[in-house]
Amino acid sequence: MTDRRLSKFVHAAVGTVLAASCMGSIANGAEQRRIIQFQMTSTTFEDGGLVPPKLGYTKTAEFPACFGQNISPQLSWLNVRAGVKSFALTVHELEDPPNVSLVVYGIPATITSLAEGELSKPSDKFVGGKNARNMGTWRGMCPMPGQKKHYEYTMRETDLDPKELPPGLTAQELDARLEGHTLGRAILIGRFDVDAQVPN
């Protein structure tokens, strides 16, 4: 290959790489804008802040280290896009992702907030899935003394009818069912420091 042809080949290859890179950046930017358009807040705790002990699971003979009242937090979401038919909410521990506190879905698009304690009992506002304790409602956190934990609350917009999915889905099963049906996500992070928050 002559030097001139080689030069043209190199320039063409570089142009292709740069175009692909720009398209990737544009796509990532669009994804970020999509996520930012959908927001979730809570009056129970600030994003990234400590959650109150009352959210923890109740002390029982089986779980003597637990400390709370098993009260689910207040949640609100806004800037929901057109075309959303329902919402799905999961809560899991970041340090131990299989430790899922909540799996609910089929929340109608007309609902954009849930009061404190509303997820702690069955309701016609959502379809109960199956958390780490096979419960379809809120199962509060119960970290051990000395532990510092983070909990991710993920709300997803979906194009599925509120009654589309059957009850009892695990977090993994819900992820699979929502593949290709998720329109946006909103995330809150709550922290728990047992030694700092729970009296001895």
N, C-alpha and C. Protein backbone atom coordinates (compact mmCIF):
# COMPACT_ATOMS: atom_id res chain seq x y z
N MET A 1 0.85 -1.19 0.00
CA MET A 1 0.00 0.00 0.00
C MET A 1 0.88 1.24 0.00
N THR A 2 0.58 2.25 -0.88
CA THR A 2 1.40 3.45 -0.96
C THR A 2 1.19 4.31 0.28
N ASP A 3 2.11 5.25 0.51
CA ASP A 3 2.00 6.13 1.67
C ASP A 3 0.70 6.93 1.63
N ARG A 4 0.31 7.39 0.39
CA ARG A 4 -0.91 8.19 0.26
C ARG A 4 -2.13 7.37 0.62
N ARG A 5 -2.18 6.11 0.11
CA ARG A 5 -3.32 5.25 0.43
C ARG A 5 -3.35 4.91 1.92
N LEU A 6 -2.18 4.66 2.50
CA LEU A 6 -2.10 4.34 3.92
C LEU A 6 -2.61 5.51 4.75
N SER A 7 -2.22 6.73 4.34
CA SER A 7 -2.66 7.92 5.06
C SER A 7 -4.17 8.06 5.01
N LYS A 8 -4.76 7.84 3.82
CA LYS A 8 -6.22 7.92 3.69
C LYS A 8 -6.90 6.86 4.56
N PHE A 9 -6.32 5.65 4.61
CA PHE A 9 -6.89 4.55 5.39
C PHE A 9 -6.88 4.89 6.88
N VAL A 10 -5.74 5.45 7.34
CA VAL A 10 -5.61 5.80 8.76
C VAL A 10 -6.60 6.90 9.12
N HIS A 11 -6.71 7.92 8.25
CA HIS A 11 -7.64 9.02 8.53
C HIS A 11 -9.09 8.52 8.57
N ALA A 12 -9.41 7.61 7.69
CA ALA A 12 -10.77 7.06 7.66
C ALA A 12 -11.06 6.27 8.93
N ALA A 13 -10.08 5.48 9.36
CA ALA A 13 -10.26 4.67 10.57
C ALA A 13 -10.42 5.55 11.79
N VAL A 14 -9.57 6.59 11.88
CA VAL A 14 -9.65 7.51 13.01
C VAL A 14 -11.01 8.23 13.03
N GLY A 15 -11.47 8.62 11.84
CA GLY A 15 -12.76 9.29 11.74
C GLY A 15 -13.89 8.40 12.22
N THR A 16 -13.80 7.10 11.87
CA THR A 16 -14.83 6.15 12.30
C THR A 16 -14.84 6.00 13.81
N VAL A 17 -13.64 5.90 14.40
CA VAL A 17 -13.53 5.76 15.86
C VAL A 17 -14.07 6.99 16.56
N LEU A 18 -13.71 8.19 16.06
CA LEU A 18 -14.19 9.42 16.67
C LEU A 18 -15.70 9.55 16.56
N ALA A 19 -16.25 9.15 15.42
CA ALA A 19 -17.70 9.23 15.23
C ALA A 19 -18.40 8.30 16.21
N ALA A 20 -17.84 7.09 16.35
CA ALA A 20 -18.44 6.13 17.29
C ALA A 20 -18.36 6.64 18.71
N SER A 21 -17.20 7.27 19.03
CA SER A 21 -17.03 7.82 20.37
C SER A 21 -18.03 8.93 20.64
N CYS A 22 -18.22 9.81 19.65
CA CYS A 22 -19.17 10.91 19.80
C CYS A 22 -20.59 10.38 19.96
N MET A 23 -20.94 9.37 19.17
CA MET A 23 -22.27 8.80 19.28
C MET A 23 -22.49 8.18 20.65
N GLY A 24 -21.41 7.53 21.17
CA GLY A 24 -21.49 6.93 22.51
C GLY A 24 -21.70 8.00 23.56
N SER A 25 -20.97 9.13 23.41
CA SER A 25 -21.11 10.22 24.37
C SER A 25 -22.51 10.82 24.32
N ILE A 26 -23.02 10.97 23.09
CA ILE A 26 -24.37 11.50 22.93
C ILE A 26 -25.38 10.58 23.57
N ALA A 27 -25.20 9.25 23.33
CA ALA A 27 -26.13 8.27 23.90
C ALA A 27 -26.08 8.30 25.42
N ASN A 28 -24.84 8.38 25.97
CA ASN A 28 -24.71 8.42 27.42
C ASN A 28 -25.32 9.70 27.99
N GLY A 29 -25.15 10.82 27.28
CA GLY A 29 -25.74 12.06 27.72
C GLY A 29 -27.25 11.99 27.72
N ALA A 30 -27.79 11.37 26.67
CA ALA A 30 -29.24 11.21 26.59
C ALA A 30 -29.75 10.34 27.73
N GLU A 31 -28.98 9.30 28.06
CA GLU A 31 -29.36 8.40 29.15
C GLU A 31 -29.37 9.16 30.47
N GLN A 32 -28.35 10.00 30.68
CA GLN A 32 -28.28 10.78 31.91
C GLN A 32 -29.46 11.75 31.99
N ARG A 33 -29.79 12.42 30.86
CA ARG A 33 -30.92 13.34 30.87
C ARG A 33 -32.21 12.59 31.16
N ARG A 34 -32.33 11.38 30.61
CA ARG A 34 -33.52 10.58 30.82
C ARG A 34 -33.69 10.28 32.31
N ILE A 35 -32.60 9.92 32.97
CA ILE A 35 -32.67 9.57 34.38
C ILE A 35 -32.95 10.81 35.23
N ILE A 36 -32.31 11.93 34.90
CA ILE A 36 -32.47 13.15 35.68
C ILE A 36 -33.91 13.65 35.61
N GLN A 37 -34.60 13.41 34.49
CA GLN A 37 -35.97 13.89 34.33
C GLN A 37 -36.94 13.25 35.32
N PHE A 38 -36.54 12.13 35.89
CA PHE A 38 -37.39 11.38 36.81
C PHE A 38 -36.73 11.43 38.18
N GLN A 39 -37.41 11.97 39.18
CA GLN A 39 -36.80 12.18 40.49
C GLN A 39 -37.64 11.56 41.60
N MET A 40 -36.98 11.15 42.66
CA MET A 40 -37.67 10.61 43.83
C MET A 40 -37.13 11.29 45.08
N THR A 41 -38.01 11.61 45.99
CA THR A 41 -37.64 12.25 47.24
C THR A 41 -38.32 11.56 48.40
N SER A 42 -37.90 11.88 49.60
CA SER A 42 -38.51 11.32 50.81
C SER A 42 -38.48 12.34 51.92
N THR A 43 -39.57 12.43 52.67
CA THR A 43 -39.58 13.30 53.85
C THR A 43 -39.04 12.55 55.07
N THR A 44 -38.83 11.25 54.92
CA THR A 44 -38.33 10.41 56.02
C THR A 44 -36.82 10.50 56.16
N PHE A 45 -36.12 10.67 55.04
CA PHE A 45 -34.66 10.80 55.07
C PHE A 45 -34.20 11.52 53.81
N GLU A 46 -33.01 12.13 53.90
CA GLU A 46 -32.43 12.82 52.76
C GLU A 46 -31.63 11.83 51.92
N ASP A 47 -31.57 12.09 50.63
CA ASP A 47 -30.78 11.24 49.75
C ASP A 47 -29.32 11.22 50.23
N GLY A 48 -28.81 10.03 50.50
CA GLY A 48 -27.45 9.88 50.99
C GLY A 48 -27.33 10.03 52.49
N GLY A 49 -28.44 10.36 53.16
CA GLY A 49 -28.40 10.58 54.59
C GLY A 49 -28.80 9.36 55.40
N LEU A 50 -28.73 9.51 56.71
CA LEU A 50 -29.10 8.42 57.61
C LEU A 50 -30.61 8.23 57.66
N VAL A 51 -31.05 6.99 57.67
CA VAL A 51 -32.48 6.70 57.79
C VAL A 51 -32.81 6.54 59.27
N PRO A 52 -34.02 6.90 59.69
CA PRO A 52 -34.37 6.76 61.11
C PRO A 52 -34.50 5.30 61.53
N PRO A 53 -34.15 4.97 62.77
CA PRO A 53 -34.22 3.58 63.25
C PRO A 53 -35.59 2.93 63.09
N LYS A 54 -36.67 3.74 63.09
CA LYS A 54 -38.01 3.15 62.98
C LYS A 54 -38.22 2.37 61.70
N LEU A 55 -37.37 2.61 60.68
CA LEU A 55 -37.48 1.84 59.44
C LEU A 55 -36.98 0.42 59.60
N GLY A 56 -36.20 0.18 60.65
CA GLY A 56 -35.63 -1.15 60.88
C GLY A 56 -36.69 -2.19 61.23
N TYR A 57 -36.30 -3.44 61.06
CA TYR A 57 -37.22 -4.54 61.37
C TYR A 57 -37.42 -4.65 62.89
N THR A 58 -38.58 -5.15 63.28
CA THR A 58 -38.92 -5.27 64.69
C THR A 58 -38.14 -6.41 65.36
N LYS A 59 -37.73 -6.18 66.60
CA LYS A 59 -37.03 -7.20 67.37
C LYS A 59 -37.96 -8.39 67.65
N THR A 60 -37.47 -9.59 67.36
CA THR A 60 -38.24 -10.81 67.61
C THR A 60 -37.30 -11.86 68.20
N ALA A 61 -37.85 -12.99 68.61
CA ALA A 61 -37.03 -14.07 69.14
C ALA A 61 -36.06 -14.57 68.07
N GLU A 62 -36.51 -14.57 66.82
CA GLU A 62 -35.66 -15.02 65.71
C GLU A 62 -34.61 -13.98 65.35
N PHE A 63 -34.96 -12.70 65.53
CA PHE A 63 -34.05 -11.61 65.17
C PHE A 63 -33.87 -10.68 66.37
N PRO A 64 -33.15 -11.13 67.41
CA PRO A 64 -33.01 -10.34 68.65
C PRO A 64 -32.19 -9.07 68.47
N ALA A 65 -31.40 -8.97 67.39
CA ALA A 65 -30.56 -7.79 67.18
C ALA A 65 -31.31 -6.67 66.46
N CYS A 66 -32.53 -6.94 66.01
CA CYS A 66 -33.30 -5.91 65.31
C CYS A 66 -33.78 -4.85 66.30
N PHE A 67 -34.19 -3.69 65.80
CA PHE A 67 -34.36 -2.54 66.68
C PHE A 67 -35.49 -1.60 66.28
N GLY A 68 -36.15 -1.81 65.16
CA GLY A 68 -37.07 -0.82 64.63
C GLY A 68 -38.54 -1.14 64.82
N GLN A 69 -39.36 -0.44 64.03
CA GLN A 69 -40.81 -0.61 64.07
C GLN A 69 -41.35 -1.11 62.73
N ASN A 70 -40.45 -1.40 61.80
CA ASN A 70 -40.81 -1.91 60.48
C ASN A 70 -41.75 -0.95 59.74
N ILE A 71 -41.45 0.33 59.83
CA ILE A 71 -42.24 1.36 59.15
C ILE A 71 -41.54 1.75 57.86
N SER A 72 -42.22 1.60 56.74
CA SER A 72 -41.64 1.97 55.45
C SER A 72 -41.56 3.49 55.33
N PRO A 73 -40.59 4.01 54.58
CA PRO A 73 -40.43 5.46 54.47
C PRO A 73 -41.47 6.10 53.54
N GLN A 74 -41.65 7.40 53.71
CA GLN A 74 -42.46 8.16 52.76
C GLN A 74 -41.65 8.34 51.48
N LEU A 75 -42.31 8.23 50.34
CA LEU A 75 -41.65 8.40 49.05
C LEU A 75 -42.55 9.20 48.12
N SER A 76 -41.95 10.10 47.35
CA SER A 76 -42.65 10.84 46.31
C SER A 76 -41.79 10.85 45.06
N TRP A 77 -42.41 10.89 43.90
CA TRP A 77 -41.66 10.97 42.65
C TRP A 77 -42.33 11.96 41.71
N LEU A 78 -41.51 12.65 40.91
CA LEU A 78 -41.99 13.72 40.05
C LEU A 78 -41.24 13.74 38.73
N ASN A 79 -41.68 14.61 37.83
CA ASN A 79 -41.12 14.71 36.48
C ASN A 79 -41.26 13.40 35.72
N VAL A 80 -42.40 12.75 35.91
CA VAL A 80 -42.67 11.48 35.23
C VAL A 80 -43.00 11.75 33.77
N ARG A 81 -42.45 10.96 32.89
CA ARG A 81 -42.66 11.16 31.45
C ARG A 81 -44.05 10.67 31.01
N ALA A 82 -44.48 11.18 29.87
CA ALA A 82 -45.73 10.72 29.26
C ALA A 82 -45.55 9.28 28.79
N GLY A 83 -46.60 8.50 28.84
CA GLY A 83 -46.53 7.12 28.37
C GLY A 83 -46.29 6.11 29.46
N VAL A 84 -45.98 6.59 30.67
CA VAL A 84 -45.78 5.67 31.79
C VAL A 84 -47.13 5.10 32.22
N LYS A 85 -47.18 3.78 32.41
CA LYS A 85 -48.41 3.12 32.84
C LYS A 85 -48.35 2.64 34.29
N SER A 86 -47.13 2.34 34.75
CA SER A 86 -46.99 1.86 36.13
C SER A 86 -45.56 2.07 36.61
N PHE A 87 -45.39 1.91 37.91
CA PHE A 87 -44.06 2.03 38.53
C PHE A 87 -43.71 0.74 39.26
N ALA A 88 -42.42 0.49 39.40
CA ALA A 88 -41.92 -0.66 40.17
C ALA A 88 -40.85 -0.15 41.13
N LEU A 89 -40.87 -0.65 42.35
CA LEU A 89 -39.93 -0.19 43.38
C LEU A 89 -39.23 -1.37 44.03
N THR A 90 -37.90 -1.27 44.12
CA THR A 90 -37.12 -2.27 44.85
C THR A 90 -36.20 -1.55 45.82
N VAL A 91 -35.89 -2.20 46.93
CA VAL A 91 -34.95 -1.67 47.92
C VAL A 91 -34.00 -2.79 48.29
N HIS A 92 -32.70 -2.55 48.11
CA HIS A 92 -31.74 -3.60 48.47
C HIS A 92 -30.50 -2.99 49.11
N GLU A 93 -29.79 -3.82 49.84
CA GLU A 93 -28.57 -3.42 50.54
C GLU A 93 -27.40 -3.45 49.56
N LEU A 94 -26.68 -2.35 49.43
CA LEU A 94 -25.58 -2.29 48.48
C LEU A 94 -24.41 -3.20 48.86
N GLU A 95 -24.18 -3.35 50.16
CA GLU A 95 -23.07 -4.22 50.59
C GLU A 95 -23.40 -5.69 50.36
N ASP A 96 -24.65 -6.02 50.30
CA ASP A 96 -25.09 -7.41 50.11
C ASP A 96 -26.33 -7.39 49.22
N PRO A 97 -26.15 -7.21 47.89
CA PRO A 97 -27.27 -7.03 46.97
C PRO A 97 -28.40 -8.06 47.08
N PRO A 98 -28.12 -9.35 47.39
CA PRO A 98 -29.26 -10.28 47.53
C PRO A 98 -30.18 -9.96 48.70
N ASN A 99 -29.69 -9.10 49.63
CA ASN A 99 -30.50 -8.75 50.80
C ASN A 99 -31.51 -7.67 50.38
N VAL A 100 -32.67 -8.10 49.90
CA VAL A 100 -33.69 -7.20 49.37
C VAL A 100 -34.77 -6.95 50.41
N SER A 101 -35.01 -5.67 50.73
CA SER A 101 -36.01 -5.31 51.73
C SER A 101 -37.41 -5.21 51.14
N LEU A 102 -37.49 -4.88 49.84
CA LEU A 102 -38.80 -4.63 49.25
C LEU A 102 -38.79 -4.89 47.75
N VAL A 103 -39.86 -5.52 47.26
CA VAL A 103 -40.10 -5.69 45.83
C VAL A 103 -41.60 -5.46 45.61
N VAL A 104 -41.96 -4.33 45.03
CA VAL A 104 -43.36 -4.05 44.71
C VAL A 104 -43.41 -3.45 43.31
N TYR A 105 -44.52 -3.64 42.63
CA TYR A 105 -44.67 -3.16 41.25
C TYR A 105 -46.16 -3.01 40.97
N GLY A 106 -46.48 -2.67 39.73
CA GLY A 106 -47.89 -2.46 39.40
C GLY A 106 -48.47 -1.24 40.10
N ILE A 107 -47.61 -0.29 40.47
CA ILE A 107 -48.09 0.96 41.07
C ILE A 107 -48.66 1.81 39.93
N PRO A 108 -49.95 2.12 39.93
CA PRO A 108 -50.54 2.87 38.81
C PRO A 108 -49.86 4.22 38.58
N ALA A 109 -49.87 4.66 37.33
CA ALA A 109 -49.23 5.92 36.96
C ALA A 109 -49.88 7.11 37.65
N THR A 110 -51.10 6.96 38.12
CA THR A 110 -51.80 8.05 38.81
C THR A 110 -51.28 8.27 40.23
N ILE A 111 -50.52 7.33 40.74
CA ILE A 111 -49.97 7.43 42.10
C ILE A 111 -48.54 7.94 42.02
N THR A 112 -48.25 9.02 42.72
CA THR A 112 -46.89 9.57 42.70
C THR A 112 -46.33 9.80 44.10
N SER A 113 -46.95 9.17 45.10
CA SER A 113 -46.40 9.24 46.45
C SER A 113 -46.99 8.12 47.31
N LEU A 114 -46.24 7.74 48.32
CA LEU A 114 -46.68 6.74 49.29
C LEU A 114 -46.31 7.25 50.68
N ALA A 115 -47.26 7.18 51.59
CA ALA A 115 -47.04 7.70 52.94
C ALA A 115 -46.18 6.75 53.77
N GLU A 116 -45.64 7.26 54.87
CA GLU A 116 -44.89 6.41 55.80
C GLU A 116 -45.77 5.25 56.25
N GLY A 117 -45.22 4.05 56.21
CA GLY A 117 -45.94 2.87 56.67
C GLY A 117 -46.85 2.25 55.63
N GLU A 118 -47.06 2.92 54.49
CA GLU A 118 -48.01 2.41 53.50
C GLU A 118 -47.51 1.15 52.82
N LEU A 119 -46.19 1.00 52.74
CA LEU A 119 -45.61 -0.20 52.11
C LEU A 119 -45.41 -1.33 53.12
N SER A 120 -45.76 -1.07 54.38
CA SER A 120 -45.58 -2.09 55.42
C SER A 120 -46.74 -3.08 55.48
N LYS A 121 -47.77 -2.82 54.71
CA LYS A 121 -48.95 -3.70 54.70
C LYS A 121 -49.49 -3.79 53.28
N PRO A 122 -50.23 -4.85 52.96
CA PRO A 122 -50.79 -4.99 51.61
C PRO A 122 -51.69 -3.81 51.26
N SER A 123 -51.74 -3.49 49.96
CA SER A 123 -52.53 -2.36 49.51
C SER A 123 -52.93 -2.57 48.05
N ASP A 124 -54.02 -1.94 47.66
CA ASP A 124 -54.42 -2.01 46.26
C ASP A 124 -53.64 -1.01 45.40
N LYS A 125 -52.69 -0.30 46.03
CA LYS A 125 -51.84 0.64 45.29
C LYS A 125 -50.63 -0.04 44.66
N PHE A 126 -50.36 -1.28 45.02
CA PHE A 126 -49.21 -1.98 44.45
C PHE A 126 -49.43 -3.49 44.49
N VAL A 127 -48.63 -4.18 43.69
CA VAL A 127 -48.61 -5.65 43.69
C VAL A 127 -47.37 -6.08 44.46
N GLY A 128 -47.55 -6.92 45.44
CA GLY A 128 -46.42 -7.37 46.25
C GLY A 128 -45.60 -8.43 45.56
N GLY A 129 -44.29 -8.24 45.57
CA GLY A 129 -43.38 -9.24 45.03
C GLY A 129 -42.90 -10.15 46.14
N LYS A 130 -41.60 -10.42 46.15
CA LYS A 130 -41.05 -11.31 47.17
C LYS A 130 -39.66 -10.80 47.55
N ASN A 131 -39.53 -10.34 48.80
CA ASN A 131 -38.22 -9.86 49.24
C ASN A 131 -37.38 -11.00 49.81
N ALA A 132 -36.29 -10.66 50.49
CA ALA A 132 -35.38 -11.69 51.00
C ALA A 132 -36.03 -12.60 52.03
N ARG A 133 -37.12 -12.15 52.64
CA ARG A 133 -37.84 -12.96 53.63
C ARG A 133 -39.17 -13.46 53.09
N ASN A 134 -39.28 -13.50 51.74
CA ASN A 134 -40.49 -13.99 51.07
C ASN A 134 -41.72 -13.19 51.43
N MET A 135 -41.52 -11.90 51.72
CA MET A 135 -42.63 -11.01 52.04
C MET A 135 -42.92 -10.11 50.86
N GLY A 136 -44.21 -9.77 50.67
CA GLY A 136 -44.60 -8.88 49.59
C GLY A 136 -44.75 -7.45 50.04
N THR A 137 -44.31 -7.16 51.25
CA THR A 137 -44.38 -5.80 51.80
C THR A 137 -43.01 -5.44 52.39
N TRP A 138 -42.92 -4.26 52.97
CA TRP A 138 -41.66 -3.76 53.54
C TRP A 138 -41.13 -4.68 54.62
N ARG A 139 -39.83 -4.98 54.50
CA ARG A 139 -39.15 -5.73 55.54
C ARG A 139 -37.94 -4.89 55.92
N GLY A 140 -38.03 -4.20 57.06
CA GLY A 140 -37.00 -3.24 57.44
C GLY A 140 -35.62 -3.86 57.62
N MET A 141 -34.62 -3.00 57.53
CA MET A 141 -33.23 -3.42 57.68
C MET A 141 -32.93 -3.85 59.12
N CYS A 142 -31.92 -4.68 59.25
CA CYS A 142 -31.54 -5.18 60.58
C CYS A 142 -30.05 -5.46 60.62
N PRO A 143 -29.21 -4.43 60.39
CA PRO A 143 -27.77 -4.65 60.46
C PRO A 143 -27.32 -4.95 61.89
N MET A 144 -26.20 -5.62 62.02
CA MET A 144 -25.67 -6.00 63.33
C MET A 144 -24.87 -4.85 63.94
N PRO A 145 -24.65 -4.88 65.26
CA PRO A 145 -23.83 -3.84 65.91
C PRO A 145 -22.48 -3.69 65.21
N GLY A 146 -22.07 -2.44 65.02
CA GLY A 146 -20.80 -2.16 64.36
C GLY A 146 -20.90 -2.03 62.85
N GLN A 147 -22.03 -2.40 62.28
CA GLN A 147 -22.17 -2.35 60.82
C GLN A 147 -22.66 -0.99 60.34
N LYS A 148 -22.16 -0.60 59.19
CA LYS A 148 -22.61 0.58 58.47
C LYS A 148 -23.11 0.11 57.11
N LYS A 149 -24.36 0.36 56.81
CA LYS A 149 -24.97 -0.17 55.59
C LYS A 149 -25.58 0.94 54.74
N HIS A 150 -25.67 0.66 53.43
CA HIS A 150 -26.31 1.57 52.49
C HIS A 150 -27.43 0.82 51.78
N TYR A 151 -28.55 1.51 51.61
CA TYR A 151 -29.72 0.89 50.99
C TYR A 151 -30.16 1.72 49.78
N GLU A 152 -30.31 1.03 48.65
CA GLU A 152 -30.68 1.71 47.41
C GLU A 152 -32.17 1.51 47.12
N TYR A 153 -32.87 2.62 47.01
CA TYR A 153 -34.29 2.62 46.64
C TYR A 153 -34.35 2.95 45.15
N THR A 154 -34.82 2.04 44.34
CA THR A 154 -34.89 2.24 42.90
C THR A 154 -36.33 2.19 42.43
N MET A 155 -36.81 3.30 41.90
CA MET A 155 -38.15 3.38 41.32
C MET A 155 -38.00 3.38 39.80
N ARG A 156 -38.76 2.50 39.13
CA ARG A 156 -38.69 2.44 37.66
C ARG A 156 -40.03 2.80 37.03
N GLU A 157 -40.00 3.62 36.01
CA GLU A 157 -41.17 3.87 35.18
C GLU A 157 -41.28 2.72 34.18
N THR A 158 -42.48 2.22 33.97
CA THR A 158 -42.65 1.14 33.00
C THR A 158 -43.82 1.43 32.06
N ASP A 159 -43.83 0.73 30.93
CA ASP A 159 -44.94 0.84 30.00
C ASP A 159 -45.91 -0.33 30.14
N LEU A 160 -45.85 -1.02 31.29
CA LEU A 160 -46.72 -2.16 31.55
C LEU A 160 -47.96 -1.75 32.31
N ASP A 161 -49.07 -2.37 31.98
CA ASP A 161 -50.30 -2.16 32.73
C ASP A 161 -50.08 -2.56 34.19
N PRO A 162 -50.67 -1.85 35.15
CA PRO A 162 -50.47 -2.18 36.57
C PRO A 162 -50.79 -3.63 36.92
N LYS A 163 -51.68 -4.28 36.18
CA LYS A 163 -52.06 -5.67 36.47
C LYS A 163 -51.35 -6.67 35.55
N GLU A 164 -50.35 -6.19 34.82
CA GLU A 164 -49.65 -7.05 33.85
C GLU A 164 -48.87 -8.18 34.52
N LEU A 165 -48.20 -7.88 35.62
CA LEU A 165 -47.32 -8.86 36.25
C LEU A 165 -47.99 -9.57 37.42
N PRO A 166 -47.71 -10.85 37.60
CA PRO A 166 -48.32 -11.60 38.70
C PRO A 166 -47.65 -11.26 40.03
N PRO A 167 -48.33 -11.47 41.14
CA PRO A 167 -47.70 -11.23 42.45
C PRO A 167 -46.61 -12.27 42.73
N GLY A 168 -45.74 -11.94 43.67
CA GLY A 168 -44.75 -12.91 44.12
C GLY A 168 -43.45 -12.97 43.35
N LEU A 169 -43.17 -11.99 42.48
CA LEU A 169 -41.91 -12.01 41.73
C LEU A 169 -40.75 -11.59 42.64
N THR A 170 -39.62 -12.25 42.50
CA THR A 170 -38.41 -11.83 43.20
C THR A 170 -37.81 -10.63 42.46
N ALA A 171 -36.81 -10.00 43.07
CA ALA A 171 -36.15 -8.87 42.42
C ALA A 171 -35.56 -9.27 41.09
N GLN A 172 -34.94 -10.47 41.04
CA GLN A 172 -34.33 -10.94 39.80
C GLN A 172 -35.39 -11.22 38.73
N GLU A 173 -36.49 -11.81 39.14
CA GLU A 173 -37.57 -12.08 38.19
C GLU A 173 -38.19 -10.79 37.67
N LEU A 174 -38.32 -9.81 38.56
CA LEU A 174 -38.86 -8.52 38.15
C LEU A 174 -37.92 -7.85 37.14
N ASP A 175 -36.62 -7.90 37.39
CA ASP A 175 -35.65 -7.33 36.45
C ASP A 175 -35.84 -7.93 35.06
N ALA A 176 -36.01 -9.24 35.01
CA ALA A 176 -36.17 -9.92 33.73
C ALA A 176 -37.47 -9.50 33.03
N ARG A 177 -38.53 -9.36 33.79
CA ARG A 177 -39.83 -8.98 33.22
C ARG A 177 -39.83 -7.53 32.73
N LEU A 178 -39.01 -6.69 33.35
CA LEU A 178 -38.97 -5.28 32.98
C LEU A 178 -37.96 -4.97 31.88
N GLU A 179 -37.24 -5.98 31.43
CA GLU A 179 -36.29 -5.80 30.33
C GLU A 179 -37.06 -5.31 29.10
N GLY A 180 -36.66 -4.15 28.59
CA GLY A 180 -37.32 -3.57 27.42
C GLY A 180 -38.59 -2.82 27.74
N HIS A 181 -38.98 -2.79 29.02
CA HIS A 181 -40.21 -2.10 29.42
C HIS A 181 -39.94 -0.97 30.42
N THR A 182 -38.67 -0.70 30.71
CA THR A 182 -38.31 0.35 31.66
C THR A 182 -38.07 1.65 30.91
N LEU A 183 -38.78 2.70 31.29
CA LEU A 183 -38.67 3.99 30.61
C LEU A 183 -37.76 4.96 31.33
N GLY A 184 -37.57 4.77 32.61
CA GLY A 184 -36.72 5.66 33.38
C GLY A 184 -36.52 5.13 34.79
N ARG A 185 -35.52 5.68 35.49
CA ARG A 185 -35.21 5.24 36.84
C ARG A 185 -34.98 6.45 37.74
N ALA A 186 -35.33 6.30 38.99
CA ALA A 186 -35.01 7.31 40.00
C ALA A 186 -34.47 6.55 41.21
N ILE A 187 -33.40 7.07 41.80
CA ILE A 187 -32.71 6.35 42.88
C ILE A 187 -32.49 7.24 44.09
N LEU A 188 -32.74 6.66 45.27
CA LEU A 188 -32.40 7.29 46.54
C LEU A 188 -31.49 6.34 47.31
N ILE A 189 -30.56 6.89 48.07
CA ILE A 189 -29.69 6.08 48.92
C ILE A 189 -29.90 6.47 50.38
N GLY A 190 -30.15 5.47 51.22
CA GLY A 190 -30.27 5.70 52.65
C GLY A 190 -29.17 4.95 53.38
N ARG A 191 -28.64 5.55 54.44
CA ARG A 191 -27.54 4.93 55.19
C ARG A 191 -28.01 4.53 56.59
N PHE A 192 -27.32 3.52 57.14
CA PHE A 192 -27.60 3.12 58.51
C PHE A 192 -26.29 2.82 59.22
N ASP A 193 -26.07 3.46 60.35
CA ASP A 193 -24.90 3.25 61.20
C ASP A 193 -25.44 2.80 62.56
N VAL A 194 -25.40 1.50 62.81
CA VAL A 194 -26.04 0.94 64.00
C VAL A 194 -25.51 1.57 65.28
N ASP A 195 -24.19 1.67 65.40
CA ASP A 195 -23.62 2.18 66.64
C ASP A 195 -24.01 3.64 66.89
N ALA A 196 -24.17 4.41 65.81
CA ALA A 196 -24.48 5.83 65.96
C ALA A 196 -25.97 6.08 66.14
N GLN A 197 -26.81 5.15 65.67
CA GLN A 197 -28.24 5.41 65.63
C GLN A 197 -29.09 4.60 66.62
N VAL A 198 -28.59 3.47 67.04
CA VAL A 198 -29.40 2.59 67.88
C VAL A 198 -28.85 2.54 69.30
N PRO A 199 -29.63 2.92 70.31
CA PRO A 199 -29.15 2.89 71.71
C PRO A 199 -28.82 1.46 72.13
N ASN A 200 -27.86 1.32 72.99
CA ASN A 200 -27.49 -0.03 73.50
C ASN A 200 -28.58 -0.52 74.45
